């Protein structure tokens, strides 16, 4: 999952944790409520106020793939099941009445059929009731939408055996579109009060349940969604369906609430705040808190004042400012939280020629050509220009480590002995002189590195590159500037950023969930970068299908070797996390997946 900042930790970013704030009222949710210390006044005793950076991109569950969006979606929608508190391998039922297992007979056909009995009587925010048909609709709509660089590949992989529905056929051809539509229709079906998932390939049950516990598997009130312009459920003309609802420019449920979760969307003031209000008819009982307000405050001094004065209960604290609030009366910090997240510097191999971030678009000292980073010498030169020691010490306050490749320490397949890049300006100069047959060194370049507003670690990383690279040649110029999070995401998705710094938080704890986005040609990052290595694709496909642990480890070791040689990106850190709150807030817990 894309991270806005290194909250505790990726972008998943030292400061706030990357865990999403859930203010729910059931087992498996994160409980937030106030315990008022004697002699202390809580300014807003019935409201949780969070002050952070980066507002959501969208509230459409099928579209959202960033933590800012997920934080809100988790609270206004429910999923079939959810993680059991801190556990990533144990689940509790929500909209489903039971968690499927081989033991209870809800997993059949050697794991290829998975059945979810649906809890009855769940009311929605729009006044309806969740039915098995709503569940079926939610997953079918998500598979139809399947927007570029979105999360739905995780549903498509087990259910249809592909990473994009476009891999199944030409969606503009009536015959092929009908075939794809029928596959979507048969993958998830209603059987009485049950919803039946039929898998297209052998797939880990635990991984499948982890995928269904995340925001992209949120259950939507179909009637409410259709009223807001979403797919109406018609299946008589699949060409028409795909033409209108597949990979749209803007999600239909951009800023509306079609959920049944513990909170309802009250208002969204763009650039300022999102307010959620308690849903009194929530199936598990009303939440303990009446209202949740997430304020988007980019300026640290303002957030700090809100925190110290008790105007905010939970705050994103950049690592370099920890000393300004740590130990202050009424402030609690939970630190050294282990993460399954990575931050990295990425290179785009084919930048959109119309990108506003490549200057002249030529190798003339005033810009860069769209394919500048197709030359591996450029990528290696940048990697040898990064100072990990300084970054981890200054930006992360030592609360992070350098890992050699796209698999975090703690997951199977991590190779601690894999070679990694280190700061070496002599080697950087050597590779810059090789790049584009010496033209880069001779003519120079000017490019921009963007970071999302308020993300100080990313700003620091960009400035380290700027300082070291510009020191090598007076013809090298790097401009570092900030943009808001939605702008950053749009530019990333459109392949407009020649270099970008972003993080990845595990969707589920498996190396496949990292090598796929980082290295597979259809992966979220690799596809935006236009990076493609057929050997890497082949190994990634083998890795997820391999059941022998030793053989699987060898596959991931080879992928890490390829990553080192190709340098499509380089990892700058695997952070530890922190969570900051006022001491009257109780019930927070940590799960590294959400």
Protein backbone atom coordinates (compact mmCIF):
# COMPACT_ATOMS: atom_id res chain seq x y z
CA UNK A 1 0.00 0.00 0.00
CA UNK A 2 1.24 3.48 -0.83
CA UNK A 3 2.29 5.40 2.21
CA UNK A 4 1.98 9.10 2.66
CA UNK A 5 4.80 9.51 5.07
CA UNK A 6 7.06 7.56 7.30
CA UNK A 7 4.73 7.59 10.19
CA UNK A 8 6.26 5.49 12.88
CA UNK A 9 7.91 4.29 10.73
CA UNK A 10 7.17 4.07 5.13
CA UNK A 11 5.20 6.40 3.37
CA UNK A 12 3.19 3.30 4.31
CA UNK A 13 6.75 7.52 7.68
CA UNK A 14 9.54 8.68 12.88
CA UNK A 15 6.58 10.08 13.85
CA UNK A 16 3.15 8.75 13.69
CA UNK A 17 2.74 5.12 13.05
CA UNK A 18 1.73 3.76 9.84
CA UNK A 19 -1.08 1.92 11.35
CA UNK A 20 -4.42 3.28 10.27
CA UNK A 21 -6.57 4.80 12.97
CA UNK A 22 -9.66 2.73 13.49
CA UNK A 23 -12.29 3.96 15.84
CA UNK A 24 -14.53 0.95 15.93
CA UNK A 25 -16.68 -0.67 18.54
CA UNK A 26 -16.07 -4.35 17.94
CA UNK A 27 -13.44 -6.98 18.47
CA UNK A 28 -10.76 -6.57 15.86
CA UNK A 29 -11.10 -2.80 15.73
CA UNK A 30 -8.94 -0.24 17.45
CA UNK A 31 -10.73 1.20 20.43
CA UNK A 32 -10.30 4.87 21.18
CA UNK A 33 -11.93 6.40 24.19
CA UNK A 34 -11.05 8.88 26.86
CA UNK A 35 -9.99 8.30 30.43
CA UNK A 36 -9.85 11.74 31.98
CA UNK A 37 -7.05 12.12 34.56
CA UNK A 38 -8.01 13.76 37.82
CA UNK A 39 -7.71 17.51 37.65
CA UNK A 40 -7.31 17.50 33.87
CA UNK A 41 -9.73 18.87 31.33
CA UNK A 42 -10.26 17.26 27.95
CA UNK A 43 -11.33 19.98 25.52
CA UNK A 44 -13.36 17.69 23.28
CA UNK A 45 -14.30 14.66 25.39
CA UNK A 46 -16.65 13.13 22.80
CA UNK A 47 -14.37 13.69 19.79
CA UNK A 48 -11.09 12.23 18.58
CA UNK A 49 -9.05 14.85 16.74
CA UNK A 50 -6.05 13.83 14.67
CA UNK A 51 -3.65 16.39 13.18
CA UNK A 52 -1.62 15.00 10.31
CA UNK A 53 -0.42 15.67 6.75
CA UNK A 54 -1.76 14.63 3.36
CA UNK A 55 -5.50 14.34 2.75
CA UNK A 56 -7.05 11.30 1.03
CA UNK A 57 -6.98 10.80 -2.71
CA UNK A 58 -10.46 9.26 -2.67
CA UNK A 59 -13.10 7.55 -0.53
CA UNK A 60 -13.88 4.95 -3.20
CA UNK A 61 -12.73 1.59 -1.73
CA UNK A 62 -12.09 0.04 -5.14
CA UNK A 63 -9.82 2.93 -6.10
CA UNK A 64 -7.99 3.84 -2.87
CA UNK A 65 -4.47 2.52 -2.44
CA UNK A 66 -2.91 5.01 -0.03
CA UNK A 67 -2.98 5.23 3.74
CA UNK A 68 -4.64 8.66 3.91
CA UNK A 69 -7.64 7.32 2.01
CA UNK A 70 -7.58 4.02 3.86
CA UNK A 71 -7.71 5.71 7.25
CA UNK A 72 -11.14 7.12 6.44
CA UNK A 73 -12.45 4.13 4.48
CA UNK A 74 -11.67 1.74 7.35
CA UNK A 75 -14.05 3.73 9.53
CA UNK A 76 -17.00 4.27 7.18
CA UNK A 77 -17.03 0.80 5.62
CA UNK A 78 -16.85 -2.74 6.95
CA UNK A 79 -15.21 -5.76 5.38
CA UNK A 80 -16.34 -9.38 5.54
CA UNK A 81 -13.69 -10.13 8.15
CA UNK A 82 -10.93 -8.20 9.87
CA UNK A 83 -7.62 -8.80 11.63
CA UNK A 84 -7.88 -9.97 15.23
CA UNK A 85 -6.20 -7.02 16.95
CA UNK A 86 -2.40 -7.32 16.64
CA UNK A 87 -2.52 -10.60 14.76
CA UNK A 88 -1.90 -10.71 11.01
CA UNK A 89 -2.80 -14.40 10.70
CA UNK A 90 -6.00 -14.55 12.75
CA UNK A 91 -9.34 -12.95 11.90
CA UNK A 92 -12.71 -12.01 13.33
CA UNK A 93 -16.03 -11.88 11.45
CA UNK A 94 -17.65 -8.55 10.62
CA UNK A 95 -20.15 -8.52 7.75
CA UNK A 96 -19.53 -12.25 7.48
CA UNK A 97 -21.08 -14.29 10.28
CA UNK A 98 -18.11 -16.68 10.37
CA UNK A 99 -14.49 -16.79 9.30
CA UNK A 100 -14.15 -19.59 6.72
CA UNK A 101 -11.84 -22.49 7.53
CA UNK A 102 -11.32 -26.09 6.54
CA UNK A 103 -12.44 -27.07 10.03
CA UNK A 104 -15.87 -25.40 9.83
CA UNK A 105 -16.47 -26.66 6.30
CA UNK A 106 -16.60 -23.22 4.70
CA UNK A 107 -13.41 -23.87 2.73
CA UNK A 108 -13.89 -26.67 0.22
CA UNK A 109 -12.46 -28.22 -2.92
CA UNK A 110 -8.92 -28.19 -1.57
CA UNK A 111 -9.16 -24.46 -0.90
CA UNK A 112 -10.60 -23.48 -4.27
CA UNK A 113 -14.09 -22.68 -2.90
CA UNK A 114 -14.48 -20.30 0.04
CA UNK A 115 -17.91 -19.59 1.53
CA UNK A 116 -18.93 -16.60 3.65
CA UNK A 117 -22.28 -16.72 5.48
CA UNK A 118 -23.52 -13.11 5.64
CA UNK A 119 -24.61 -11.55 8.91
CA UNK A 120 -28.24 -10.47 8.69
CA UNK A 121 -29.76 -7.13 9.65
CA UNK A 122 -26.70 -4.91 9.12
CA UNK A 123 -27.95 -1.38 8.44
CA UNK A 124 -26.23 1.01 6.06
CA UNK A 125 -25.68 4.74 6.37
CA UNK A 126 -28.10 5.35 3.50
CA UNK A 127 -30.92 3.54 5.29
CA UNK A 128 -30.67 0.17 3.60
CA UNK A 129 -29.58 -3.26 4.76
CA UNK A 130 -26.50 -5.20 3.67
CA UNK A 131 -27.45 -8.31 1.70
CA UNK A 132 -25.42 -11.09 0.04
CA UNK A 133 -26.16 -9.30 -3.24
CA UNK A 134 -24.37 -6.20 -1.92
CA UNK A 135 -21.33 -8.33 -1.15
CA UNK A 136 -21.30 -9.87 -4.61
CA UNK A 137 -21.77 -6.43 -6.18
CA UNK A 138 -18.89 -4.93 -4.18
CA UNK A 139 -16.36 -7.44 -5.49
CA UNK A 140 -17.69 -7.49 -9.04
CA UNK A 141 -17.64 -3.69 -9.21
CA UNK A 142 -14.06 -3.66 -7.91
CA UNK A 143 -12.92 -6.17 -10.54
CA UNK A 144 -14.67 -4.21 -13.29
CA UNK A 145 -13.13 -0.92 -12.18
CA UNK A 146 -9.59 -2.35 -11.86
CA UNK A 147 -8.02 1.08 -12.24
CA UNK A 148 -4.37 1.41 -13.28
CA UNK A 149 -1.95 1.27 -10.34
CA UNK A 150 -4.78 0.38 -7.97
CA UNK A 151 -5.22 -2.40 -5.39
CA UNK A 152 -7.57 -4.73 -7.26
CA UNK A 153 -4.75 -6.87 -8.64
CA UNK A 154 -4.80 -8.60 -5.26
CA UNK A 155 -8.39 -9.74 -5.84
CA UNK A 156 -7.83 -10.60 -9.49
CA UNK A 157 -4.80 -12.79 -8.81
CA UNK A 158 -6.65 -15.50 -6.82
CA UNK A 159 -10.10 -15.04 -8.40
CA UNK A 160 -9.24 -14.74 -12.09
CA UNK A 161 -5.59 -15.80 -12.21
CA UNK A 162 -4.38 -12.49 -13.67
CA UNK A 163 -3.21 -9.10 -12.40
CA UNK A 164 -5.49 -7.05 -14.67
CA UNK A 165 -8.72 -7.91 -16.43
CA UNK A 166 -7.12 -6.54 -19.59
CA UNK A 167 -4.87 -9.62 -19.51
CA UNK A 168 -7.97 -11.75 -20.16
CA UNK A 169 -8.94 -10.24 -23.50
CA UNK A 170 -9.83 -7.18 -25.55
CA UNK A 171 -12.52 -5.43 -23.51
CA UNK A 172 -13.74 -3.57 -26.61
CA UNK A 173 -14.40 -6.82 -28.47
CA UNK A 174 -17.96 -8.10 -27.78
CA UNK A 175 -16.97 -11.77 -27.69
CA UNK A 176 -13.90 -11.31 -25.53
CA UNK A 177 -15.60 -8.76 -23.26
CA UNK A 178 -18.48 -11.19 -22.69
CA UNK A 179 -15.99 -13.93 -21.78
CA UNK A 180 -14.26 -11.66 -19.25
CA UNK A 181 -17.61 -10.55 -17.83
CA UNK A 182 -18.71 -14.15 -17.35
CA UNK A 183 -15.48 -14.93 -15.51
CA UNK A 184 -16.09 -11.99 -13.15
CA UNK A 185 -19.70 -13.07 -12.67
CA UNK A 186 -18.76 -16.66 -11.78
CA UNK A 187 -15.88 -15.76 -9.45
CA UNK A 188 -18.20 -14.39 -6.74
CA UNK A 189 -21.78 -15.64 -6.49
CA UNK A 190 -24.71 -15.60 -4.09
CA UNK A 191 -26.02 -18.91 -2.76
CA UNK A 192 -28.92 -18.24 -0.41
CA UNK A 193 -27.50 -16.28 2.51
CA UNK A 194 -23.94 -17.18 1.53
CA UNK A 195 -21.47 -15.55 -0.81
CA UNK A 196 -19.23 -18.06 -2.57
CA UNK A 197 -15.75 -17.20 -3.88
CA UNK A 198 -14.36 -19.56 -6.51
CA UNK A 199 -10.63 -19.28 -6.98
CA UNK A 200 -8.92 -19.65 -10.34
CA UNK A 201 -5.64 -20.93 -8.90
CA UNK A 202 -4.19 -22.48 -5.78
CA UNK A 203 -3.73 -19.70 -3.27
CA UNK A 204 -2.83 -19.46 0.40
CA UNK A 205 -6.02 -19.28 2.48
CA UNK A 206 -4.38 -17.00 5.04
CA UNK A 207 -3.20 -14.63 2.32
CA UNK A 208 -6.66 -14.57 0.75
CA UNK A 209 -8.25 -13.73 4.10
CA UNK A 210 -5.65 -11.01 4.66
CA UNK A 211 -6.56 -9.48 1.30
CA UNK A 212 -10.27 -9.55 2.20
CA UNK A 213 -9.53 -7.72 5.47
CA UNK A 214 -8.35 -4.55 3.74
CA UNK A 215 -10.11 -1.45 2.42
CA UNK A 216 -10.33 -2.60 -1.20
CA UNK A 217 -12.57 -5.44 0.01
CA UNK A 218 -15.02 -3.05 1.70
CA UNK A 219 -18.69 -3.94 1.31
CA UNK A 220 -20.74 -1.29 -0.48
CA UNK A 221 -24.44 -0.52 -0.28
CA UNK A 222 -25.28 -1.19 -3.93
CA UNK A 223 -28.40 0.97 -4.03
CA UNK A 224 -26.54 3.96 -2.60
CA UNK A 225 -23.57 3.44 -4.93
CA UNK A 226 -25.76 3.25 -8.03
CA UNK A 227 -27.50 6.46 -6.96
CA UNK A 228 -24.08 8.13 -7.08
CA UNK A 229 -23.34 6.93 -10.60
CA UNK A 230 -21.57 3.63 -9.93
CA UNK A 231 -22.02 0.55 -12.12
CA UNK A 232 -25.73 -0.40 -11.88
CA UNK A 233 -25.04 -4.13 -11.98
CA UNK A 234 -26.10 -4.75 -15.59
CA UNK A 235 -24.47 -7.72 -17.34
CA UNK A 236 -26.20 -7.71 -20.73
CA UNK A 237 -23.60 -5.65 -22.61
CA UNK A 238 -20.10 -6.12 -21.26
CA UNK A 239 -18.44 -3.90 -23.87
CA UNK A 240 -20.59 -1.03 -22.63
CA UNK A 241 -19.90 -1.89 -18.99
CA UNK A 242 -16.13 -1.94 -19.44
CA UNK A 243 -16.13 1.18 -21.63
CA UNK A 244 -17.88 3.18 -18.93
CA UNK A 245 -16.73 1.67 -15.64
CA UNK A 246 -13.29 0.10 -16.22
CA UNK A 247 -10.29 2.25 -15.20
CA UNK A 248 -12.24 5.54 -15.13
CA UNK A 249 -10.57 8.93 -14.95
CA UNK A 250 -12.36 9.70 -11.67
CA UNK A 251 -13.88 7.19 -9.24
CA UNK A 252 -17.67 7.31 -8.98
CA UNK A 253 -17.57 7.22 -5.19
CA UNK A 254 -14.89 9.90 -4.94
CA UNK A 255 -16.19 11.59 -1.81
CA UNK A 256 -19.40 9.85 -0.88
CA UNK A 257 -20.25 7.32 1.81
CA UNK A 258 -21.96 4.08 0.78
CA UNK A 259 -20.90 2.11 3.82
CA UNK A 260 -22.16 0.46 6.98
CA UNK A 261 -19.16 1.07 9.23
CA UNK A 262 -19.07 2.53 12.75
CA UNK A 263 -18.79 6.11 11.45
CA UNK A 264 -20.47 8.11 8.70
CA UNK A 265 -18.94 10.82 6.55
CA UNK A 266 -20.11 14.17 7.92
CA UNK A 267 -18.09 16.53 5.72
CA UNK A 268 -14.88 16.83 3.73
CA UNK A 269 -13.39 20.30 3.52
CA UNK A 270 -10.59 19.81 1.02
CA UNK A 271 -7.21 20.85 2.28
CA UNK A 272 -8.58 21.33 5.78
CA UNK A 273 -10.32 18.37 7.43
CA UNK A 274 -12.57 15.35 7.22
CA UNK A 275 -15.23 14.87 9.87
CA UNK A 276 -16.88 11.54 10.70
CA UNK A 277 -19.88 11.13 12.98
CA UNK A 278 -20.90 8.02 14.92
CA UNK A 279 -23.40 5.69 13.23
CA UNK A 280 -25.93 5.00 15.96
CA UNK A 281 -27.34 1.94 14.18
CA UNK A 282 -24.01 0.19 13.77
CA UNK A 283 -24.58 -3.56 13.93
CA UNK A 284 -22.10 -4.10 16.79
CA UNK A 285 -23.38 -1.13 18.79
CA UNK A 286 -22.45 2.57 18.67
CA UNK A 287 -18.78 3.50 18.87
CA UNK A 288 -17.55 4.94 22.15
CA UNK A 289 -16.66 8.25 20.50
CA UNK A 290 -19.28 10.51 18.91
CA UNK A 291 -17.14 12.20 16.30
CA UNK A 292 -13.75 11.87 14.58
CA UNK A 293 -12.05 14.85 12.94
CA UNK A 294 -8.91 14.39 10.86
CA UNK A 295 -7.26 17.78 10.35
CA UNK A 296 -4.71 18.24 7.58
CA UNK A 297 -2.13 20.59 9.02
CA UNK A 298 1.09 20.73 7.02
CA UNK A 299 2.89 23.19 9.30
CA UNK A 300 4.63 21.36 12.17
CA UNK A 301 4.60 24.33 14.57
CA UNK A 302 0.81 24.48 14.30
CA UNK A 303 0.41 20.73 14.86
CA UNK A 304 2.77 20.89 17.83
CA UNK A 305 0.79 23.67 19.47
CA UNK A 306 -2.45 21.76 18.93
CA UNK A 307 -0.89 18.68 20.53
CA UNK A 308 0.61 20.41 23.55
CA UNK A 309 -2.56 22.42 24.22
CA UNK A 310 -4.80 19.37 23.97
CA UNK A 311 -6.54 20.53 20.80
CA UNK A 312 -5.43 17.34 19.03
CA UNK A 313 -5.42 13.86 20.51
CA UNK A 314 -3.26 12.09 17.91
CA UNK A 315 -0.56 13.88 15.91
CA UNK A 316 1.98 13.12 13.20
CA UNK A 317 5.37 14.15 14.63
CA UNK A 318 8.28 14.33 12.16
CA UNK A 319 11.31 12.61 13.58
CA UNK A 320 13.52 15.67 13.67
CA UNK A 321 11.00 17.35 15.99
CA UNK A 322 10.66 14.51 18.48
CA UNK A 323 12.65 16.37 21.15
CA UNK A 324 10.10 19.20 21.05
CA UNK A 325 7.29 17.02 22.39
CA UNK A 326 8.85 13.90 23.90
CA UNK A 327 8.46 13.93 27.66
CA UNK A 328 6.01 16.83 27.62
CA UNK A 329 3.21 16.56 30.22
CA UNK A 330 0.22 14.67 28.89
CA UNK A 331 2.01 13.29 25.82
CA UNK A 332 2.44 9.55 25.26
CA UNK A 333 4.73 7.98 22.67
CA UNK A 334 4.87 4.29 21.77
CA UNK A 335 8.08 3.65 19.86
CA UNK A 336 10.31 0.98 18.29
CA UNK A 337 7.35 -0.53 16.49
CA UNK A 338 8.57 -3.14 13.97
CA UNK A 339 7.30 -2.50 10.46
CA UNK A 340 6.79 -4.32 7.21
CA UNK A 341 7.43 -1.28 5.11
CA UNK A 342 10.12 0.12 2.89
CA UNK A 343 10.96 3.59 1.61
CA UNK A 344 12.72 3.88 -1.73
CA UNK A 345 13.92 6.17 -4.51
CA UNK A 346 12.40 5.16 -7.86
CA UNK A 347 13.36 5.96 -11.45
CA UNK A 348 10.88 6.32 -14.30
CA UNK A 349 12.25 4.72 -17.47
CA UNK A 350 9.81 6.46 -19.81
CA UNK A 351 8.47 9.72 -18.42
CA UNK A 352 5.34 11.20 -19.97
CA UNK A 353 6.77 13.59 -22.61
CA UNK A 354 4.24 16.21 -21.48
CA UNK A 355 5.41 16.05 -17.87
CA UNK A 356 5.92 19.48 -16.31
CA UNK A 357 8.85 18.07 -14.30
CA UNK A 358 11.42 17.41 -17.06
CA UNK A 359 12.14 20.97 -18.17
CA UNK A 360 13.12 21.18 -21.83
CA UNK A 361 12.66 17.43 -22.25
CA UNK A 362 16.15 17.23 -23.76
CA UNK A 363 19.67 16.50 -22.60
CA UNK A 364 20.72 20.12 -22.98
CA UNK A 365 21.39 21.16 -19.40
CA UNK A 366 17.93 22.69 -19.11
CA UNK A 367 15.96 19.51 -18.60
CA UNK A 368 16.10 15.75 -19.08
CA UNK A 369 14.85 13.50 -21.89
CA UNK A 370 11.88 11.26 -20.97
CA UNK A 371 14.06 8.13 -21.20
CA UNK A 372 17.03 9.43 -19.18
CA UNK A 373 16.84 6.60 -16.65
CA UNK A 374 16.63 3.83 -19.22
CA UNK A 375 20.42 3.87 -19.00
CA UNK A 376 21.40 1.74 -15.99
CA UNK A 377 24.49 3.91 -15.55
CA UNK A 378 22.25 6.83 -14.55
CA UNK A 379 20.45 4.67 -12.02
CA UNK A 380 23.67 3.36 -10.52
CA UNK A 381 25.13 6.87 -10.38
CA UNK A 382 22.14 8.07 -8.34
CA UNK A 383 22.33 5.04 -6.04
CA UNK A 384 26.01 5.64 -5.30
CA UNK A 385 25.17 9.30 -4.54
CA UNK A 386 22.88 8.52 -1.61
CA UNK A 387 24.19 8.81 1.95
CA UNK A 388 22.37 6.21 4.06
CA UNK A 389 24.30 6.95 7.24
CA UNK A 390 23.33 10.61 7.18
CA UNK A 391 19.73 9.90 6.20
CA UNK A 392 19.13 7.29 8.89
CA UNK A 393 20.90 9.37 11.54
CA UNK A 394 19.36 12.75 10.73
CA UNK A 395 16.00 12.03 9.10
CA UNK A 396 15.16 8.85 11.00
CA UNK A 397 17.09 9.53 14.23
CA UNK A 398 18.63 6.09 13.98
CA UNK A 399 15.22 4.42 14.07
CA UNK A 400 15.61 2.64 10.75
CA UNK A 401 17.98 0.34 8.91
CA UNK A 402 19.27 -0.05 5.40
CA UNK A 403 18.13 -3.25 3.73
CA UNK A 404 19.62 -4.41 0.43
CA UNK A 405 16.52 -5.07 -1.63
CA UNK A 406 12.74 -5.01 -1.97
CA UNK A 407 12.04 -7.60 0.73
CA UNK A 408 11.95 -6.27 4.30
CA UNK A 409 13.82 -7.96 7.09
CA UNK A 410 11.41 -10.26 8.90
CA UNK A 411 9.82 -11.82 5.83
CA UNK A 412 10.75 -15.19 4.30
CA UNK A 413 13.21 -14.82 1.46
CA UNK A 414 15.06 -11.83 2.92
CA UNK A 415 18.76 -12.16 2.08
CA UNK A 416 20.94 -10.41 4.68
CA UNK A 417 24.07 -11.10 2.60
CA UNK A 418 22.82 -9.51 -0.61
CA UNK A 419 25.23 -6.75 -1.77
CA UNK A 420 23.87 -3.24 -1.41
CA UNK A 421 24.76 0.24 -2.54
CA UNK A 422 26.67 2.63 -0.29
CA UNK A 423 27.71 6.25 -0.66
CA UNK A 424 30.64 6.29 -3.08
CA UNK A 425 30.97 9.53 -5.03
CA UNK A 426 33.93 8.24 -7.03
CA UNK A 427 31.76 5.42 -8.37
CA UNK A 428 28.89 7.84 -8.88
CA UNK A 429 31.13 10.03 -11.03
CA UNK A 430 32.32 6.97 -12.96
CA UNK A 431 28.76 5.97 -13.84
CA UNK A 432 27.66 9.52 -14.65
CA UNK A 433 30.54 9.69 -17.15
CA UNK A 434 29.38 6.41 -18.73
CA UNK A 435 25.73 7.46 -18.96
CA UNK A 436 24.45 8.08 -22.47
CA UNK A 437 27.96 7.65 -23.92
CA UNK A 438 29.33 10.56 -21.94
CA UNK A 439 26.66 13.04 -22.97
CA UNK A 440 25.22 13.37 -19.45
CA UNK A 441 28.58 14.43 -18.06
CA UNK A 442 29.30 16.74 -20.97
CA UNK A 443 25.92 18.48 -21.29
CA UNK A 444 24.55 18.23 -17.76
CA UNK A 445 20.90 18.12 -16.76
CA UNK A 446 18.19 19.82 -14.74
CA UNK A 447 15.45 17.76 -13.11
CA UNK A 448 12.95 18.04 -10.31
CA UNK A 449 12.50 15.72 -7.36
CA UNK A 450 9.15 16.18 -5.66
CA UNK A 451 8.05 15.18 -2.17
CA UNK A 452 4.64 15.35 -0.55
CA UNK A 453 4.06 18.35 1.68
CA UNK A 454 5.05 17.80 5.30
CA UNK A 455 7.07 14.66 4.64
CA UNK A 456 10.41 15.74 6.03
CA UNK A 457 12.22 12.39 5.59
CA UNK A 458 11.46 12.44 1.87
CA UNK A 459 12.54 16.05 1.63
CA UNK A 460 15.79 15.11 3.38
CA UNK A 461 16.38 12.19 1.01
CA UNK A 462 15.87 14.43 -2.01
CA UNK A 463 18.21 17.08 -0.60
CA UNK A 464 20.92 14.48 0.05
CA UNK A 465 20.77 13.47 -3.61
CA UNK A 466 20.77 17.11 -4.71
CA UNK A 467 23.80 18.02 -2.58
CA UNK A 468 25.93 15.04 -3.55
CA UNK A 469 25.07 14.97 -7.25
CA UNK A 470 25.47 18.71 -7.77
CA UNK A 471 28.88 18.52 -6.06
CA UNK A 472 30.15 16.25 -8.84
CA UNK A 473 29.54 18.52 -11.82
CA UNK A 474 28.48 22.20 -12.02
CA UNK A 475 26.26 21.25 -14.96
CA UNK A 476 24.09 19.01 -12.76
CA UNK A 477 21.03 20.74 -11.27
CA UNK A 478 18.31 19.18 -9.10
CA UNK A 479 15.34 21.19 -7.86
CA UNK A 480 13.58 19.85 -4.78
CA UNK A 481 10.04 21.01 -4.19
CA UNK A 482 6.91 20.04 -2.33
CA UNK A 483 3.42 19.33 -3.64
CA UNK A 484 0.29 18.13 -1.88
CA UNK A 485 -0.33 14.38 -1.61
CA UNK A 486 -3.12 14.08 -4.23
CA UNK A 487 -0.98 16.01 -6.76
CA UNK A 488 1.97 13.75 -5.99
CA UNK A 489 -0.12 10.63 -6.51
CA UNK A 490 -1.56 11.86 -9.80
CA UNK A 491 1.90 12.67 -11.14
CA UNK A 492 3.17 9.25 -10.05
CA UNK A 493 0.29 7.37 -11.68
CA UNK A 494 0.75 9.34 -14.91
CA UNK A 495 4.49 8.53 -15.05
CA UNK A 496 5.35 12.23 -14.87
CA UNK A 497 8.06 12.00 -12.19
CA UNK A 498 11.59 11.19 -13.43
CA UNK A 499 12.60 10.40 -9.85
CA UNK A 500 10.18 9.86 -7.00
CA UNK A 501 10.47 8.89 -3.34
CA UNK A 502 7.68 6.88 -1.82
CA UNK A 503 7.06 4.00 0.56
CA UNK A 504 5.30 0.67 0.58
CA UNK A 505 3.44 -0.85 3.52
CA UNK A 506 2.66 -4.55 3.30
CA UNK A 507 -0.85 -5.42 2.18
CA UNK A 508 -0.15 -8.89 3.54
CA UNK A 509 3.03 -10.32 5.13
CA UNK A 510 4.58 -12.17 2.21
CA UNK A 511 7.57 -11.34 -0.03
CA UNK A 512 5.31 -11.52 -3.08
CA UNK A 513 3.57 -8.36 -1.86
CA UNK A 514 6.89 -6.51 -2.17
CA UNK A 515 8.61 -8.00 -5.23
CA UNK A 516 5.41 -7.68 -7.25
CA UNK A 517 4.92 -3.89 -6.85
CA UNK A 518 8.66 -3.19 -6.97
CA UNK A 519 9.70 -5.49 -9.84
CA UNK A 520 6.83 -7.03 -11.84
CA UNK A 521 6.01 -5.22 -15.08
CA UNK A 522 2.37 -5.06 -13.97
CA UNK A 523 3.24 -4.06 -10.40
CA UNK A 524 2.09 -0.78 -8.92
CA UNK A 525 5.48 0.92 -8.95
CA UNK A 526 7.19 -0.95 -11.79
CA UNK A 527 4.35 -0.31 -14.22
CA UNK A 528 4.33 3.41 -13.45
CA UNK A 529 8.11 3.41 -13.95
CA UNK A 530 7.77 1.48 -17.24
CA UNK A 531 10.27 -1.03 -15.84
CA UNK A 532 10.07 -4.50 -17.35
CA UNK A 533 12.39 -7.47 -16.93
CA UNK A 534 10.87 -10.71 -18.30
CA UNK A 535 13.15 -12.83 -16.10
CA UNK A 536 11.95 -10.98 -13.00
CA UNK A 537 8.31 -11.42 -14.07
CA UNK A 538 8.89 -15.15 -14.54
CA UNK A 539 10.52 -15.57 -11.13
CA UNK A 540 7.80 -13.58 -9.39
CA UNK A 541 5.16 -15.85 -10.92
CA UNK A 542 7.13 -18.90 -9.81
CA UNK A 543 7.66 -17.54 -6.32
CA UNK A 544 3.99 -17.10 -5.47
CA UNK A 545 3.17 -20.57 -6.83
CA UNK A 546 6.07 -22.39 -5.12
CA UNK A 547 5.15 -24.31 -1.96
CA UNK A 548 8.61 -25.62 -1.02
CA UNK A 549 10.18 -23.08 1.41
CA UNK A 550 13.77 -23.68 0.30
CA UNK A 551 12.95 -23.42 -3.40
CA UNK A 552 10.91 -20.29 -2.71
CA UNK A 553 13.79 -18.74 -0.77
CA UNK A 554 16.15 -19.33 -3.69
CA UNK A 555 13.71 -17.60 -6.05
CA UNK A 556 13.56 -14.51 -3.85
CA UNK A 557 17.34 -14.49 -3.42
CA UNK A 558 17.68 -14.40 -7.21
CA UNK A 559 15.12 -11.59 -7.46
CA UNK A 560 17.09 -9.53 -4.96
CA UNK A 561 20.23 -10.10 -7.06
CA UNK A 562 18.41 -8.88 -10.19
CA UNK A 563 17.11 -5.86 -8.28
CA UNK A 564 20.68 -4.95 -7.30
CA UNK A 565 21.90 -5.24 -10.90
CA UNK A 566 18.95 -3.50 -12.57
CA UNK A 567 18.47 -0.77 -9.93
CA UNK A 568 14.89 0.11 -10.93
CA UNK A 569 14.85 1.74 -7.50
CA UNK A 570 16.92 1.59 -4.34
CA UNK A 571 15.73 1.14 -0.78
CA UNK A 572 16.59 4.00 1.55
CA UNK A 573 15.27 2.49 4.77
CA UNK A 574 13.11 0.02 6.64
CA UNK A 575 11.89 2.19 9.51
CA UNK A 576 10.79 1.57 13.04
CA UNK A 577 7.50 3.15 13.98
CA UNK A 578 6.21 5.60 16.57
CA UNK A 579 2.69 6.46 17.64
CA UNK A 580 1.90 9.73 19.43
CA UNK A 581 -1.22 10.45 21.47
CA UNK A 582 -2.47 12.38 24.47
CA UNK A 583 -2.44 10.25 27.61
CA UNK A 584 -6.21 10.44 28.00
CA UNK A 585 -6.64 8.34 24.85
CA UNK A 586 -6.93 4.64 25.63
CA UNK A 587 -7.22 1.45 23.63
CA UNK A 588 -4.78 1.96 20.78
CA UNK A 589 -2.99 -1.15 19.52
CA UNK A 590 -0.55 -1.87 16.75
CA UNK A 591 -0.91 -4.09 13.72
CA UNK A 592 1.88 -3.79 11.10
CA UNK A 593 -0.52 -4.46 8.22
CA UNK A 594 -2.98 -1.60 8.73
